[in-house]
Protein backbone atom coordinates (compact mmCIF):
# COMPACT_ATOMS: atom_id res chain seq x y z
CA MET A 1 26.72 242.16 195.30
CA LYS A 2 24.62 239.74 193.20
CA LEU A 3 24.92 236.23 194.45
CA SER A 4 23.58 232.34 193.07
CA VAL A 5 22.12 230.03 195.84
CA LYS A 6 25.08 227.86 195.38
CA GLN A 7 27.49 231.11 196.30
CA ARG A 8 25.48 232.08 199.03
CA ILE A 9 25.56 228.39 200.27
CA VAL A 10 29.13 228.10 200.32
CA ILE A 11 29.75 231.72 201.71
CA GLY A 12 27.56 230.65 204.33
CA ASN A 13 29.36 227.70 204.93
CA SER A 14 32.83 228.52 204.90
CA LEU A 15 32.33 231.75 207.49
CA PRO A 16 34.47 231.76 210.57
CA ALA A 17 33.14 229.65 213.52
CA ASN A 18 34.76 231.32 216.12
CA GLY A 19 35.74 234.99 216.90
CA ASN A 20 35.18 237.78 219.21
CA ILE A 21 31.33 238.74 220.35
CA ALA A 22 31.26 242.00 217.93
CA THR A 23 32.62 239.76 214.89
CA LEU A 24 30.08 236.84 215.59
CA LYS A 25 26.99 238.94 215.78
CA MET A 26 27.96 240.38 212.79
CA LEU A 27 28.73 237.21 210.89
CA ARG A 28 25.56 235.77 212.24
CA GLU A 29 23.44 238.78 210.51
CA PHE A 30 25.28 238.32 207.51
CA LYS A 31 24.52 234.93 207.36
CA GLU A 32 20.89 235.29 207.92
CA SER A 33 20.95 237.60 204.73
CA LEU A 34 22.62 234.46 202.97
CA SER A 35 19.66 232.28 203.62
CA LEU A 36 17.25 230.90 201.43
CA SER A 37 13.70 232.40 201.33
CA LEU A 38 10.62 229.53 201.32
CA GLU A 39 10.10 230.42 197.93
CA GLU A 40 13.45 229.91 196.99
CA TYR A 41 13.89 226.11 198.65
CA ASN A 42 10.61 225.30 196.79
CA ALA A 43 11.50 226.92 193.67
CA ILE A 44 14.73 224.86 193.21
CA GLY A 45 13.39 222.04 194.83
CA TYR A 46 15.96 222.01 197.74
CA THR A 47 16.39 218.81 199.91
CA ILE A 48 18.66 217.64 202.85
CA LYS A 49 19.92 213.91 202.63
CA PRO A 50 19.97 211.50 205.23
CA ASN A 51 23.73 212.15 205.28
CA GLY A 52 23.36 215.92 205.96
CA SER A 53 23.98 217.26 202.43
CA SER A 54 22.02 219.23 200.54
CA THR A 55 20.79 219.09 196.68
CA TRP A 56 18.82 220.94 194.43
CA SER A 57 17.91 221.26 191.09
CA LEU A 58 21.01 223.45 189.14
CA ALA A 59 18.67 223.91 186.11
CA LYS A 60 16.19 225.42 187.97
CA GLU A 61 18.37 227.74 189.85
CA LYS A 62 19.98 228.98 186.59
CA GLU A 63 16.59 230.28 185.97
CA MET A 64 16.25 232.07 189.09
CA ASP A 65 17.51 236.08 189.46
CA GLN A 66 20.82 236.00 191.96
CA LYS A 67 20.15 237.85 195.24
CA ASP A 68 21.60 241.09 196.02
CA ILE A 69 23.70 240.72 199.30
CA GLU A 70 25.15 243.50 201.11
CA ILE A 71 28.44 242.74 201.94
CA ASN A 72 30.68 245.40 204.36
CA ASP A 73 34.24 245.99 204.37
CA ALA A 74 34.55 244.15 207.65
CA VAL A 75 32.30 240.94 206.60
CA ARG A 76 34.83 241.23 203.44
CA ALA A 77 37.57 240.54 205.42
CA ALA A 78 36.26 238.00 207.86
CA ILE A 79 35.32 236.15 204.30
CA VAL A 80 38.69 236.63 202.84
CA SER A 81 40.64 235.82 205.85
CA SER A 82 38.63 232.26 205.89
CA LEU A 83 39.25 231.86 202.73
CA GLN A 84 42.82 231.99 202.90
CA LYS A 85 43.19 229.84 205.88
CA MET A 86 41.46 227.05 204.36
CA ASP A 87 43.56 227.52 201.18
CA ARG A 88 46.85 227.13 203.55
CA GLU A 89 45.15 224.32 205.52
CA ASN A 90 44.54 222.53 202.07
CA LYS A 91 40.29 222.75 202.88
CA LEU A 92 39.14 224.63 199.58
CA THR A 93 36.85 222.31 197.59
CA ASN A 94 35.97 222.77 194.09
CA ASP A 95 32.72 224.31 195.44
CA HIS A 96 35.20 227.19 196.62
CA LEU A 97 36.70 228.47 193.01
CA ASP A 98 33.69 230.37 191.85
CA ILE A 99 33.73 232.25 195.50
CA TRP A 100 37.61 232.98 195.62
CA ASP A 101 37.56 234.32 192.16
CA ILE A 102 34.88 236.55 193.53
CA PHE A 103 37.09 237.81 196.31
CA PHE A 104 40.59 237.38 194.64
CA PRO A 105 39.54 238.48 191.19
CA GLU A 106 43.26 239.19 190.55
CA GLU A 107 44.46 235.93 191.03
CA LYS A 108 41.61 234.26 188.44
């Protein structure tokens, strides 16, 4: 699945923090596949602000190719479950809309 920098960051931040050992190991490996390379950090001017939030040039991000990320069925199920939980708890933000459309295309 081709994902932008923003999509990769939002998905990574949306993964469940708790689970059994097998799930946590699988999600750790998946999260590593989402991570940005040093070249990507530099290309988009990625910085972390003192308050912990991050920022980068959206214009420079649009110039980059999206990264092809493999999402197996177990990871997909964990992402879907996490997004559904966030939805039930009213914890979704505007940043999640694009991700929601990817994993729930029938609800566009």
